[in-house]
Amino acid sequence: MTAPHSLQPTAVCGVFGRMTEAHRQRADRMAELAEAEGVLWDPSYLLPGLTLRVTAAAAVSRAERSLGAAWNAAGQIDSQLLGQPWEQTAREAEACGLRTTARGTGIVHGSVSGCQVLYVHTADSAVFFSTRLRWLVETAETLTPDWQAWSEILAFGAPLSGRTTFTEIRRLMPMEYAEVTDTGAVQLKQQRWPWEDYVPQAGPNLDEVTRETIEAMASHMRPHLDGTHAGGSANPMLSGGRDSRMLTALAARESADRKKLTAWSTSSDAGSALEELVASEVAETLGVDHRIITGRYDQFGEDFADYAEAVDYQASFHFWLMPVVRELRKSPGAIFDGIGGGVLLGGGFADPVGASHVSRHELMLSRVQARSRYLTEAHKVMEGRTAASVEERAYSGARPTAERYADHPNAHTLTSYLLRTVPGISPAPAKVLGGAQPTLMPMVIDQVAQRALELPHHVKADGAWYPKLLAAADPALRGMATADDLTGTRHHKRRIASREGARYLAGVIRRGPAAGLLSAELAAADPGSAHGVVVWQRLLNSQRSQHLIRGLAMLTLWLEQYSTTLSAADPMRIGHA
């Protein structure tokens, strides 16, 4: 049962356009699938040209001949923002939304950051939309695998440029929208992304910018800490790094009662316990309750499969979050996640020194290679033709983004953000954590992005801005080391490289149709034998080869889930670029 004053995680689905009875029936089936997952819908909005279902986390404004709605993973959106143009709502509320007339013309749009997850499927003068890909897929007729998208999952960790693993369905990117016109035409369009207009300014007052940045994040978090929802309880995620401790400090500062805060830590499976140990020291310094949740070796397979399902098989990074997510489901209160901090605040994604002497083409290639570095190990994991094809497809898929920002003052930052943060990282807070409790991402709101992107690069390079930001959040954080500062070598085996992890992943891939993509060494390595499992363990203990193996396992689970829905579902086609 829902806790008093708490919000259910955000869920939305529906259709608008020139609607037929078949459209309405499909929208009803989508809603039924959601209900079977435990979603509790508010009363439906049913108009001649619209069927809309939302949970209580969404804001909806209905007039006689029109309807507006906005939602994000955090919930608690001011409905007054629906009186503004949708572009302003997307920016101010960091929200996706819908603006339609009763007859079905209108738009459904993405958020300004692109980190809110919304899928669209256009068909027959109508647009179906959903916060969950599964609801669209399982109510559609036959769909086509997108092998380009799967090559990008293997190379980058997620499909790029709004692609999904189905050619007919896409995820809306920053300020992207699907429109149904007066003539019934369906169009996918891109509104100007304001972050492209934020460029470094000369001579900033860094102290002032720091105060403004911290206040922007605090203002975004404050409504979730004032006792209105879940009695003021909140759940900051606390790793061994800077971004999470900054948000934990702000949560403590803004909370009326620190006893209602619980900071949560878990291992990112990097082979070191320093993340948890450093996080514990931070929590003690801030006077915040702290819980460390560890994953079990014998539950690795369950965690990986649950993560795959939570992100609809669209990303391959954060399987290690699942143990803490199960606990968070029992802990009402907003979650605070530091996605975007490293790329926007930390200056960690920049061109190398001497980049001015490198050709434009080489710079673009280096930006793409920095995000697809896993491919250097592709020959160890995949057979030769597949490895070469994945690399070719990956670079061709990333090239439009690299070219678009090649000469932009924030070129590397924006390229990295769109190749990694939006497609691959955001499903973790938006869908994994966001499936447990309402989840805020304060570091990717427009007000923070603008201030960060307008700072000169040297101010942020190698984390140079962090000391000021952390001190502004709480002076007690001055000088505290991070886990990265202290980590020299790994202290224990990664869970994914345990016998249990290796046997699970090897078993998944080898039993399925993706087995033909494996390198000769892995194809011959029987995880049931002592030698074979060691072969898999060795590659899983390396970040780059591990990434590729996770991608192949994700592909296999996806094929198992949707084989009856797919046409031409032969993964060997990945090897034909």
Protein backbone atom coordinates (compact mmCIF):
# COMPACT_ATOMS: atom_id res chain seq x y z
CA MET A 1 0.00 0.00 0.00
CA THR A 2 1.21 3.51 -0.76
CA ALA A 3 2.67 5.30 2.26
CA PRO A 4 0.83 8.46 3.39
CA HIS A 5 1.74 11.58 1.42
CA SER A 6 4.07 9.62 -0.83
CA LEU A 7 4.16 9.69 -4.61
CA GLN A 8 4.04 6.64 -6.79
CA PRO A 9 6.85 6.42 -9.35
CA THR A 10 5.93 8.23 -12.55
CA ALA A 11 4.15 6.29 -15.29
CA VAL A 12 2.42 7.65 -18.40
CA CYS A 13 1.01 6.10 -21.55
CA GLY A 14 -1.49 6.93 -24.24
CA VAL A 15 -2.17 7.94 -27.84
CA PHE A 16 -3.30 11.08 -29.65
CA GLY A 17 -4.14 11.90 -33.24
CA ARG A 18 -6.84 10.88 -35.69
CA MET A 19 -7.95 8.04 -33.51
CA THR A 20 -9.63 4.82 -34.54
CA GLU A 21 -11.21 2.17 -32.35
CA ALA A 22 -8.07 0.07 -32.88
CA HIS A 23 -5.96 2.92 -31.50
CA ARG A 24 -8.14 3.14 -28.39
CA GLN A 25 -8.03 -0.59 -27.85
CA ARG A 26 -4.26 -0.64 -28.06
CA ALA A 27 -4.04 2.22 -25.55
CA ASP A 28 -6.28 0.23 -23.22
CA ARG A 29 -4.01 -2.81 -23.56
CA MET A 30 -0.98 -0.66 -22.73
CA ALA A 31 -2.71 0.54 -19.57
CA GLU A 32 -3.61 -3.03 -18.61
CA LEU A 33 0.03 -4.12 -18.97
CA ALA A 34 1.03 -1.29 -16.66
CA GLU A 35 -1.61 -2.25 -14.11
CA ALA A 36 -0.30 -5.80 -14.15
CA GLU A 37 3.07 -4.35 -13.11
CA GLY A 38 1.44 -2.58 -10.17
CA VAL A 39 0.88 0.87 -11.69
CA LEU A 40 -2.02 2.76 -10.09
CA TRP A 41 -3.53 5.11 -12.65
CA ASP A 42 -5.36 8.32 -11.90
CA PRO A 43 -8.76 8.54 -13.67
CA SER A 44 -8.23 8.33 -17.43
CA TYR A 45 -8.46 11.29 -19.80
CA LEU A 46 -10.55 10.24 -22.77
CA LEU A 47 -11.21 12.70 -25.60
CA PRO A 48 -12.12 12.15 -29.25
CA GLY A 49 -8.49 12.56 -30.24
CA LEU A 50 -6.71 11.47 -27.05
CA THR A 51 -6.40 8.65 -24.55
CA LEU A 52 -4.12 9.49 -21.62
CA ARG A 53 -3.24 7.57 -18.48
CA VAL A 54 -1.01 9.09 -15.80
CA THR A 55 -0.09 8.37 -12.22
CA ALA A 56 -0.51 10.98 -9.51
CA ALA A 57 3.07 12.17 -10.13
CA ALA A 58 2.05 13.94 -13.37
CA ALA A 59 0.55 17.41 -13.69
CA VAL A 60 -2.52 17.69 -15.93
CA SER A 61 -4.57 20.71 -16.97
CA ARG A 62 -7.76 20.15 -18.94
CA ALA A 63 -9.75 22.84 -20.70
CA GLU A 64 -12.90 22.46 -22.77
CA ARG A 65 -11.09 21.85 -26.05
CA SER A 66 -7.51 21.06 -25.04
CA LEU A 67 -5.33 19.27 -22.54
CA GLY A 68 -1.81 19.80 -21.25
CA ALA A 69 0.28 17.44 -19.16
CA ALA A 70 3.83 17.32 -17.84
CA TRP A 71 5.79 14.67 -15.98
CA ASN A 72 9.25 13.59 -14.96
CA ALA A 73 10.82 10.97 -12.74
CA ALA A 74 10.63 13.32 -9.75
CA GLY A 75 6.93 14.18 -9.80
CA GLN A 76 5.52 17.22 -7.99
CA ILE A 77 5.38 19.49 -11.06
CA ASP A 78 3.69 22.87 -10.65
CA SER A 79 0.55 22.68 -12.81
CA GLN A 80 0.79 26.43 -13.43
CA LEU A 81 3.71 25.68 -15.76
CA LEU A 82 1.19 24.11 -18.13
CA GLY A 83 -0.04 27.62 -18.91
CA GLN A 84 3.32 28.40 -20.52
CA PRO A 85 4.63 27.31 -23.94
CA TRP A 86 5.78 23.70 -23.81
CA GLU A 87 9.38 24.69 -24.44
CA GLN A 88 9.37 26.72 -21.24
CA THR A 89 7.76 23.91 -19.26
CA ALA A 90 10.36 21.45 -20.54
CA ARG A 91 13.14 23.77 -19.37
CA GLU A 92 11.76 25.00 -16.05
CA ALA A 93 10.37 21.67 -14.85
CA GLU A 94 12.89 19.36 -16.57
CA ALA A 95 9.81 17.57 -17.87
CA CYS A 96 8.36 15.65 -20.75
CA GLY A 97 4.83 16.56 -21.67
CA LEU A 98 1.81 16.62 -23.91
CA ARG A 99 -0.16 19.47 -25.48
CA THR A 100 -3.20 18.40 -27.52
CA THR A 101 -6.57 19.58 -28.69
CA ALA A 102 -9.72 17.55 -28.23
CA ARG A 103 -9.60 16.49 -31.87
CA GLY A 104 -6.08 15.07 -31.51
CA THR A 105 -3.72 17.64 -32.99
CA GLY A 106 -0.74 18.53 -30.85
CA ILE A 107 2.62 17.33 -29.62
CA VAL A 108 4.31 15.05 -27.12
CA HIS A 109 7.80 16.23 -26.15
CA GLY A 110 11.00 15.30 -24.39
CA SER A 111 12.70 17.18 -21.57
CA VAL A 112 15.46 19.77 -21.91
CA SER A 113 18.12 17.41 -20.53
CA GLY A 114 16.92 14.33 -22.41
CA CYS A 115 17.44 12.33 -19.21
CA GLN A 116 13.71 11.78 -18.75
CA VAL A 117 12.80 8.58 -20.62
CA LEU A 118 9.85 8.69 -23.03
CA TYR A 119 9.23 6.43 -26.02
CA VAL A 120 7.05 7.12 -29.06
CA HIS A 121 5.63 4.91 -31.80
CA THR A 122 4.02 6.69 -34.75
CA ALA A 123 1.35 4.85 -36.71
CA ASP A 124 -1.61 5.73 -38.93
CA SER A 125 -2.06 9.45 -38.17
CA ALA A 126 -1.48 8.89 -34.45
CA VAL A 127 1.34 8.89 -31.92
CA PHE A 128 1.53 6.30 -29.14
CA PHE A 129 3.71 7.29 -26.20
CA SER A 130 4.86 5.60 -23.02
CA THR A 131 7.37 5.89 -20.20
CA ARG A 132 7.83 2.12 -20.56
CA LEU A 133 9.02 0.61 -23.82
CA ARG A 134 7.49 -2.77 -23.03
CA TRP A 135 3.95 -1.38 -23.09
CA LEU A 136 4.45 -0.19 -26.65
CA VAL A 137 6.20 -3.34 -27.84
CA GLU A 138 3.79 -5.90 -26.46
CA THR A 139 0.77 -4.11 -27.95
CA ALA A 140 2.29 -3.54 -31.38
CA GLU A 141 2.13 -5.80 -34.36
CA THR A 142 5.36 -7.29 -35.69
CA LEU A 143 8.40 -5.09 -35.04
CA THR A 144 11.83 -5.06 -36.67
CA PRO A 145 15.12 -5.43 -34.78
CA ASP A 146 17.45 -2.46 -35.14
CA TRP A 147 20.92 -4.00 -35.46
CA GLN A 148 22.46 -0.53 -35.63
CA ALA A 149 21.06 0.10 -32.16
CA TRP A 150 22.46 -3.18 -30.91
CA SER A 151 25.90 -2.35 -32.32
CA GLU A 152 25.71 0.91 -30.36
CA ILE A 153 24.73 -0.91 -27.16
CA LEU A 154 27.80 -3.10 -27.57
CA ALA A 155 30.08 -0.14 -28.36
CA PHE A 156 28.68 2.67 -26.19
CA GLY A 157 26.31 0.95 -23.75
CA ALA A 158 23.06 2.24 -25.31
CA PRO A 159 21.51 3.18 -28.67
CA LEU A 160 22.35 6.66 -29.92
CA SER A 161 20.31 9.53 -31.38
CA GLY A 162 16.97 8.32 -30.06
CA ARG A 163 17.18 4.88 -31.59
CA THR A 164 15.82 1.89 -29.70
CA THR A 165 16.30 -1.80 -30.37
CA PHE A 166 13.13 -1.62 -32.51
CA THR A 167 13.30 0.35 -35.76
CA GLU A 168 9.71 1.55 -35.41
CA ILE A 169 10.01 2.99 -31.88
CA ARG A 170 12.26 5.78 -30.68
CA ARG A 171 13.17 7.55 -27.47
CA LEU A 172 12.73 11.31 -27.47
CA MET A 173 16.00 13.22 -27.21
CA PRO A 174 16.49 16.70 -25.65
CA MET A 175 13.70 19.05 -26.84
CA GLU A 176 12.57 16.56 -29.47
CA TYR A 177 8.87 16.14 -30.11
CA ALA A 178 6.34 14.17 -32.14
CA GLU A 179 3.52 16.17 -33.68
CA VAL A 180 0.16 15.40 -35.26
CA THR A 181 -0.81 18.25 -37.60
CA ASP A 182 -4.24 19.52 -38.66
CA THR A 183 -4.00 17.33 -41.76
CA GLY A 184 -3.31 14.22 -39.70
CA ALA A 185 0.33 14.08 -40.71
CA VAL A 186 2.71 12.73 -38.05
CA GLN A 187 6.10 14.42 -37.83
CA LEU A 188 9.13 14.05 -35.62
CA LYS A 189 10.84 17.39 -34.99
CA GLN A 190 13.65 18.94 -33.00
CA GLN A 191 13.17 22.24 -31.18
CA ARG A 192 16.29 24.32 -30.65
CA TRP A 193 18.21 22.82 -27.74
CA PRO A 194 19.12 25.75 -25.47
CA TRP A 195 22.26 24.02 -24.22
CA GLU A 196 23.78 24.60 -27.64
CA ASP A 197 23.53 28.34 -26.95
CA TYR A 198 25.36 28.16 -23.61
CA VAL A 199 29.01 28.89 -24.40
CA PRO A 200 31.95 29.87 -22.17
CA GLN A 201 31.93 33.51 -21.07
CA ALA A 202 35.05 35.52 -20.37
CA GLY A 203 35.87 36.66 -16.84
CA PRO A 204 33.12 35.01 -14.80
CA ASN A 205 32.73 35.74 -11.10
CA LEU A 206 33.36 32.17 -10.01
CA ASP A 207 32.18 32.69 -6.43
CA GLU A 208 28.90 34.11 -7.67
CA VAL A 209 28.41 31.35 -10.25
CA THR A 210 29.15 28.76 -7.58
CA ARG A 211 26.53 30.21 -5.22
CA GLU A 212 23.96 30.37 -8.03
CA THR A 213 24.66 26.79 -9.09
CA ILE A 214 24.32 25.42 -5.56
CA GLU A 215 21.13 27.43 -5.01
CA ALA A 216 19.63 26.15 -8.28
CA MET A 217 20.14 22.57 -7.15
CA ALA A 218 18.87 23.30 -3.65
CA SER A 219 15.75 24.99 -5.02
CA HIS A 220 15.06 21.98 -7.20
CA MET A 221 15.38 19.65 -4.22
CA ARG A 222 13.66 21.80 -1.59
CA PRO A 223 10.01 20.91 -2.36
CA HIS A 224 10.86 17.26 -1.75
CA LEU A 225 12.37 18.01 1.65
CA ASP A 226 9.79 20.32 3.23
CA GLY A 227 7.50 17.59 4.53
CA THR A 228 4.84 17.81 1.83
CA HIS A 229 5.60 14.36 0.45
CA ALA A 230 6.55 11.24 2.39
CA GLY A 231 6.73 13.40 5.51
CA GLY A 232 9.98 15.00 4.36
CA SER A 233 11.82 11.68 4.09
CA ALA A 234 14.44 11.48 1.35
CA ASN A 235 17.03 9.09 -0.03
CA PRO A 236 20.21 10.65 -1.42
CA MET A 237 22.43 8.19 -3.27
CA LEU A 238 25.92 8.39 -1.80
CA SER A 239 28.92 6.90 -3.59
CA GLY A 240 32.57 7.61 -2.93
CA GLY A 241 32.57 10.56 -5.33
CA ARG A 242 31.98 14.31 -5.29
CA ASP A 243 28.60 14.68 -6.97
CA SER A 244 26.69 12.43 -4.61
CA ARG A 245 28.21 13.97 -1.48
CA MET A 246 27.29 17.43 -2.79
CA LEU A 247 23.64 16.41 -3.14
CA THR A 248 23.65 14.61 0.21
CA ALA A 249 24.99 17.77 1.84
CA LEU A 250 22.29 19.86 0.18
CA ALA A 251 19.61 17.42 1.27
CA ALA A 252 20.87 17.67 4.84
CA ARG A 253 21.02 21.45 4.63
CA GLU A 254 17.51 21.83 3.23
CA SER A 255 15.81 19.16 5.34
CA ALA A 256 13.74 20.25 8.30
CA ASP A 257 14.75 17.02 10.04
CA ARG A 258 17.98 15.23 9.13
CA LYS A 259 16.71 12.14 10.93
CA LYS A 260 14.33 11.64 8.00
CA LEU A 261 17.22 11.34 5.53
CA THR A 262 18.89 8.06 4.67
CA ALA A 263 21.95 8.06 2.43
CA TRP A 264 22.32 4.87 0.39
CA SER A 265 25.52 3.28 -0.84
CA THR A 266 26.32 0.16 -2.79
CA SER A 267 29.31 -1.16 -4.68
CA SER A 268 29.60 -0.25 -8.36
CA ASP A 269 31.48 -3.55 -8.71
CA ALA A 270 34.80 -1.86 -9.39
CA GLY A 271 36.68 -4.31 -7.19
CA SER A 272 37.19 -2.01 -4.22
CA ALA A 273 35.34 -1.36 -0.96
CA LEU A 274 36.60 2.22 -0.81
CA GLU A 275 33.38 3.62 -2.26
CA GLU A 276 31.39 2.33 0.68
CA LEU A 277 34.03 3.27 3.24
CA VAL A 278 34.45 6.82 1.95
CA ALA A 279 30.67 7.25 1.69
CA SER A 280 30.34 6.17 5.32
CA GLU A 281 32.81 8.84 6.39
CA VAL A 282 30.90 11.49 4.41
CA ALA A 283 27.56 10.46 5.93
CA GLU A 284 29.03 10.62 9.43
CA THR A 285 30.49 14.06 8.74
CA LEU A 286 27.11 15.33 7.53
CA GLY A 287 25.16 13.71 10.37
CA VAL A 288 23.01 11.62 8.03
CA ASP A 289 21.86 8.04 8.55
CA HIS A 290 23.63 5.71 6.16
CA ARG A 291 22.85 2.29 4.75
CA ILE A 292 25.28 0.15 2.75
CA ILE A 293 23.66 -2.53 0.61
CA THR A 294 25.91 -5.21 -0.83
CA GLY A 295 25.15 -7.56 -3.69
CA ARG A 296 25.52 -11.29 -3.26
CA TYR A 297 27.47 -13.46 -5.67
CA ASP A 298 24.69 -16.02 -5.82
CA GLN A 299 22.15 -13.32 -6.78
CA PHE A 300 24.15 -11.85 -9.65
CA GLY A 301 21.99 -13.47 -12.33
CA GLU A 302 18.79 -12.21 -10.73
CA ASP A 303 20.23 -8.70 -10.46
CA PHE A 304 21.34 -8.62 -14.09
CA ALA A 305 18.01 -9.91 -15.41
CA ASP A 306 16.03 -7.49 -13.23
CA TYR A 307 18.14 -4.56 -14.39
CA ALA A 308 17.70 -5.56 -18.05
CA GLU A 309 13.95 -5.65 -17.58
CA ALA A 310 13.88 -2.33 -15.70
CA VAL A 311 15.64 -0.49 -18.54
CA ASP A 312 13.70 -2.36 -21.22
CA TYR A 313 17.01 -3.86 -22.48
CA GLN A 314 18.11 -0.41 -23.69
CA ALA A 315 21.31 0.04 -21.65
CA SER A 316 23.98 -2.21 -20.16
CA PHE A 317 25.66 -0.27 -17.35
CA HIS A 318 24.11 -0.25 -13.87
CA PHE A 319 23.14 -3.85 -13.06
CA TRP A 320 24.81 -3.41 -9.66
CA LEU A 321 22.08 -1.00 -8.52
CA MET A 322 19.44 -3.70 -8.15
CA PRO A 323 20.16 -4.79 -4.54
CA VAL A 324 19.80 -1.22 -3.26
CA VAL A 325 16.74 -0.61 -5.47
CA ARG A 326 14.90 -3.46 -3.76
CA GLU A 327 15.51 -1.76 -0.41
CA LEU A 328 14.58 1.68 -1.71
CA ARG A 329 11.14 0.38 -2.71
CA LYS A 330 10.48 0.05 1.03
CA SER A 331 11.82 3.52 1.90
CA PRO A 332 9.36 6.30 0.91
CA GLY A 333 10.90 9.60 -0.09
CA ALA A 334 12.57 11.22 -3.07
CA ILE A 335 15.86 9.87 -4.36
CA PHE A 336 18.61 12.32 -5.32
CA ASP A 337 21.03 11.18 -8.03
CA GLY A 338 24.13 13.00 -9.30
CA ILE A 339 23.95 12.11 -12.99
CA GLY A 340 25.65 14.71 -15.20
CA GLY A 341 27.96 16.07 -12.54
CA GLY A 342 31.15 14.73 -14.05
CA VAL A 343 30.41 15.93 -17.57
CA LEU A 344 28.93 19.34 -16.67
CA LEU A 345 30.55 20.35 -13.38
CA GLY A 346 33.68 18.25 -13.26
CA GLY A 347 35.25 19.06 -16.60
CA GLY A 348 36.01 15.39 -17.05
CA PHE A 349 35.09 15.27 -20.73
CA ALA A 350 37.40 17.61 -22.56
CA ASP A 351 39.75 17.51 -25.51
CA PRO A 352 43.38 16.62 -24.76
CA VAL A 353 46.08 19.20 -24.31
CA GLY A 354 47.35 20.25 -27.71
CA ALA A 355 44.00 19.63 -29.39
CA SER A 356 44.38 22.88 -31.34
CA HIS A 357 47.12 21.20 -33.38
CA VAL A 358 44.93 18.22 -34.31
CA SER A 359 42.78 18.12 -37.43
CA ARG A 360 39.01 18.50 -37.18
CA HIS A 361 38.48 14.90 -38.28
CA GLU A 362 40.95 13.55 -35.72
CA LEU A 363 39.27 15.56 -32.96
CA MET A 364 35.84 14.21 -33.85
CA LEU A 365 37.19 10.68 -33.97
CA SER A 366 38.91 11.06 -30.60
CA ARG A 367 35.66 12.24 -29.00
CA VAL A 368 33.81 9.21 -30.33
CA GLN A 369 36.62 6.81 -29.39
CA ALA A 370 36.69 8.17 -25.85
CA ARG A 371 33.12 6.97 -25.35
CA SER A 372 33.56 3.68 -27.23
CA ARG A 373 36.93 2.65 -25.81
CA TYR A 374 35.52 -0.80 -25.07
CA LEU A 375 35.98 -1.67 -28.74
CA THR A 376 39.74 -2.02 -28.25
CA GLU A 377 38.92 -5.43 -26.71
CA ALA A 378 36.27 -6.40 -29.26
CA HIS A 379 38.44 -9.08 -30.91
CA LYS A 380 38.72 -10.90 -27.59
CA VAL A 381 34.96 -11.15 -27.15
CA MET A 382 33.49 -11.29 -30.67
CA GLU A 383 34.46 -13.11 -33.82
CA GLY A 384 36.36 -11.05 -36.37
CA ARG A 385 33.63 -10.00 -38.80
CA THR A 386 31.24 -9.08 -35.99
CA ALA A 387 33.90 -7.04 -34.17
CA ALA A 388 34.74 -5.13 -37.34
CA SER A 389 31.08 -4.54 -38.19
CA VAL A 390 30.20 -3.31 -34.69
CA GLU A 391 33.07 -0.83 -34.82
CA GLU A 392 32.03 0.42 -38.26
CA ARG A 393 28.39 0.75 -37.26
CA ALA A 394 29.31 2.47 -33.99
CA TYR A 395 31.38 5.15 -35.64
CA SER A 396 28.79 5.75 -38.35
CA GLY A 397 26.07 6.08 -35.71
CA ALA A 398 28.06 8.54 -33.61
CA ARG A 399 29.36 10.59 -36.53
CA PRO A 400 26.30 12.90 -36.93
CA THR A 401 26.54 13.97 -33.28
CA ALA A 402 30.31 14.47 -33.48
CA GLU A 403 29.93 16.50 -36.66
CA ARG A 404 27.10 18.63 -35.30
CA TYR A 405 29.26 19.83 -32.41
CA ALA A 406 32.68 19.59 -34.04
CA ASP A 407 33.28 23.34 -33.90
CA HIS A 408 31.19 24.16 -30.84
CA PRO A 409 33.03 25.77 -27.90
CA ASN A 410 31.68 22.94 -25.71
CA ALA A 411 32.23 20.29 -28.38
CA HIS A 412 33.61 17.44 -26.30
CA THR A 413 31.20 18.06 -23.43
CA LEU A 414 28.05 18.05 -25.58
CA THR A 415 29.27 15.13 -27.71
CA SER A 416 30.01 13.03 -24.62
CA TYR A 417 26.75 14.01 -23.00
CA LEU A 418 24.74 12.84 -26.02
CA LEU A 419 26.80 9.70 -26.65
CA ARG A 420 26.87 8.50 -23.05
CA THR A 421 24.96 10.44 -20.38
CA VAL A 422 21.59 10.68 -22.11
CA PRO A 423 21.35 7.26 -23.78
CA GLY A 424 23.31 5.04 -21.40
CA ILE A 425 23.45 6.61 -17.94
CA SER A 426 20.05 8.28 -17.57
CA PRO A 427 18.02 5.02 -17.52
CA ALA A 428 19.62 4.28 -14.13
CA PRO A 429 18.08 7.25 -12.28
CA ALA A 430 15.02 7.64 -14.53
CA LYS A 431 13.95 3.99 -14.73
CA VAL A 432 15.88 1.87 -12.22
CA LEU A 433 15.91 4.21 -9.22
CA GLY A 434 12.83 5.97 -10.57
CA GLY A 435 10.97 2.67 -10.52
CA ALA A 436 11.48 2.51 -6.75
CA GLN A 437 10.74 6.08 -5.64
CA PRO A 438 10.40 9.52 -7.27
CA THR A 439 13.91 10.46 -8.44
CA LEU A 440 15.50 13.88 -8.94
CA MET A 441 18.55 14.62 -11.10
CA PRO A 442 19.50 18.13 -9.92
CA MET A 443 22.76 18.38 -11.89
CA VAL A 444 21.06 18.18 -15.30
CA ILE A 445 18.38 20.80 -14.77
CA ASP A 446 18.61 23.70 -17.20
CA GLN A 447 19.61 26.27 -14.58
CA VAL A 448 22.66 24.22 -13.57
CA ALA A 449 23.63 23.27 -17.12
CA GLN A 450 23.61 26.89 -18.25
CA ARG A 451 25.96 28.05 -15.50
CA ALA A 452 28.29 25.11 -15.99
CA LEU A 453 28.45 25.37 -19.78
CA GLU A 454 29.10 29.11 -19.63
CA LEU A 455 32.21 28.67 -17.50
CA PRO A 456 35.59 28.57 -19.29
CA HIS A 457 36.97 25.06 -19.55
CA HIS A 458 40.07 25.72 -17.47
CA VAL A 459 37.86 26.61 -14.49
CA LYS A 460 36.41 23.08 -14.46
CA ALA A 461 39.30 21.00 -15.87
CA ASP A 462 40.22 17.92 -13.84
CA GLY A 463 37.59 18.75 -11.21
CA ALA A 464 39.02 22.20 -10.43
CA TRP A 465 35.57 23.65 -9.65
CA TYR A 466 34.57 20.95 -7.18
CA PRO A 467 36.31 22.37 -4.07
CA LYS A 468 34.28 25.59 -4.32
CA LEU A 469 31.04 23.74 -5.05
CA LEU A 470 31.52 21.32 -2.16
CA ALA A 471 32.43 24.06 0.29
CA ALA A 472 29.36 26.02 -0.77
CA ALA A 473 27.18 22.97 -0.17
CA ASP A 474 28.72 22.34 3.25
CA PRO A 475 32.10 23.64 4.50
CA ALA A 476 32.60 20.32 6.31
CA LEU A 477 33.27 18.70 2.92
CA ARG A 478 36.43 20.73 2.32
CA GLY A 479 39.42 18.54 1.60
CA MET A 480 37.67 15.18 1.99
CA ALA A 481 39.19 12.56 -0.30
CA THR A 482 37.12 10.61 -2.80
CA ALA A 483 37.32 6.89 -3.44
CA ASP A 484 39.12 7.63 -6.70
CA ASP A 485 41.70 9.68 -4.84
CA LEU A 486 42.49 6.71 -2.62
CA THR A 487 42.13 3.78 -5.00
CA GLY A 488 45.37 2.27 -6.22
CA THR A 489 44.52 -1.31 -7.16
CA ARG A 490 41.42 -3.44 -6.76
CA HIS A 491 41.11 -5.10 -3.38
CA HIS A 492 38.70 -7.91 -4.23
CA LYS A 493 37.21 -9.73 -7.18
CA ARG A 494 34.43 -7.99 -9.04
CA ARG A 495 31.10 -9.69 -8.45
CA ILE A 496 30.55 -9.92 -12.20
CA ALA A 497 33.87 -11.81 -12.47
CA SER A 498 32.99 -14.32 -9.77
CA ARG A 499 32.31 -17.92 -10.75
CA GLU A 500 28.61 -17.21 -10.30
CA GLY A 501 28.72 -14.13 -12.49
CA ALA A 502 30.83 -15.77 -15.18
CA ARG A 503 28.68 -18.90 -15.33
CA TYR A 504 25.48 -16.88 -15.53
CA LEU A 505 26.61 -14.59 -18.35
CA ALA A 506 28.36 -17.37 -20.26
CA GLY A 507 25.31 -19.57 -19.91
CA VAL A 508 22.94 -16.85 -21.13
CA ILE A 509 25.00 -16.06 -24.23
CA ARG A 510 26.06 -19.61 -25.14
CA ARG A 511 22.51 -20.98 -24.99
CA GLY A 512 21.07 -18.34 -27.29
CA PRO A 513 21.31 -17.13 -30.90
CA ALA A 514 24.04 -14.60 -30.05
CA ALA A 515 26.47 -17.46 -29.37
CA GLY A 516 27.55 -17.27 -32.99
CA LEU A 517 28.93 -13.77 -32.37
CA LEU A 518 31.47 -14.99 -29.80
CA SER A 519 35.20 -15.14 -30.41
CA ALA A 520 36.66 -18.61 -30.91
CA GLU A 521 38.16 -18.57 -27.42
CA LEU A 522 34.88 -17.77 -25.68
CA ALA A 523 32.86 -20.07 -27.91
CA ALA A 524 35.11 -22.94 -26.82
CA ALA A 525 35.18 -21.96 -23.12
CA ASP A 526 32.63 -24.15 -21.35
CA PRO A 527 31.74 -22.35 -18.09
CA GLY A 528 30.94 -25.71 -16.56
CA SER A 529 34.62 -26.67 -16.67
CA ALA A 530 37.34 -25.29 -14.42
CA HIS A 531 39.34 -23.96 -17.37
CA GLY A 532 36.35 -22.56 -19.23
CA VAL A 533 35.01 -20.54 -16.32
CA VAL A 534 38.46 -19.03 -15.75
CA VAL A 535 38.55 -17.85 -19.37
CA TRP A 536 35.27 -15.99 -18.84
CA GLN A 537 36.35 -14.67 -15.44
CA ARG A 538 39.56 -13.24 -16.87
CA LEU A 539 37.69 -11.22 -19.51
CA LEU A 540 34.99 -10.15 -17.05
CA ASN A 541 37.67 -8.77 -14.74
CA SER A 542 38.63 -6.26 -17.45
CA GLN A 543 36.28 -3.29 -17.80
CA ARG A 544 36.38 -3.17 -21.59
CA SER A 545 35.80 -6.83 -22.40
CA GLN A 546 33.28 -7.04 -19.55
CA HIS A 547 31.26 -4.24 -21.17
CA LEU A 548 31.02 -6.17 -24.44
CA ILE A 549 30.02 -9.40 -22.70
CA ARG A 550 27.26 -7.56 -20.82
CA GLY A 551 25.99 -6.25 -24.15
CA LEU A 552 25.83 -9.72 -25.68
CA ALA A 553 23.99 -11.03 -22.61
CA MET A 554 21.53 -8.14 -22.84
CA LEU A 555 20.96 -8.95 -26.52
CA THR A 556 20.24 -12.59 -25.69
CA LEU A 557 17.74 -11.71 -22.94
CA TRP A 558 16.02 -9.27 -25.31
CA LEU A 559 15.71 -11.92 -28.00
CA GLU A 560 14.27 -14.36 -25.47
CA GLN A 561 11.72 -11.77 -24.37
CA TYR A 562 10.58 -10.59 -27.80
CA SER A 563 11.36 -13.38 -30.28
CA THR A 564 7.68 -13.87 -31.13
CA THR A 565 7.20 -10.13 -31.73
CA LEU A 566 10.20 -9.68 -34.01
CA SER A 567 10.66 -10.21 -37.70
CA ALA A 568 14.12 -11.20 -39.01
CA ALA A 569 15.45 -11.74 -35.50
CA ASP A 570 18.83 -13.17 -36.45
CA PRO A 571 21.61 -11.44 -34.47
CA MET A 572 24.21 -12.64 -36.97
CA ARG A 573 23.04 -9.70 -39.09
CA ILE A 574 25.02 -7.46 -36.74
CA GLY A 575 28.05 -8.77 -38.59
CA HIS A 576 26.85 -7.24 -41.86
CA ALA A 577 27.54 -3.52 -41.65
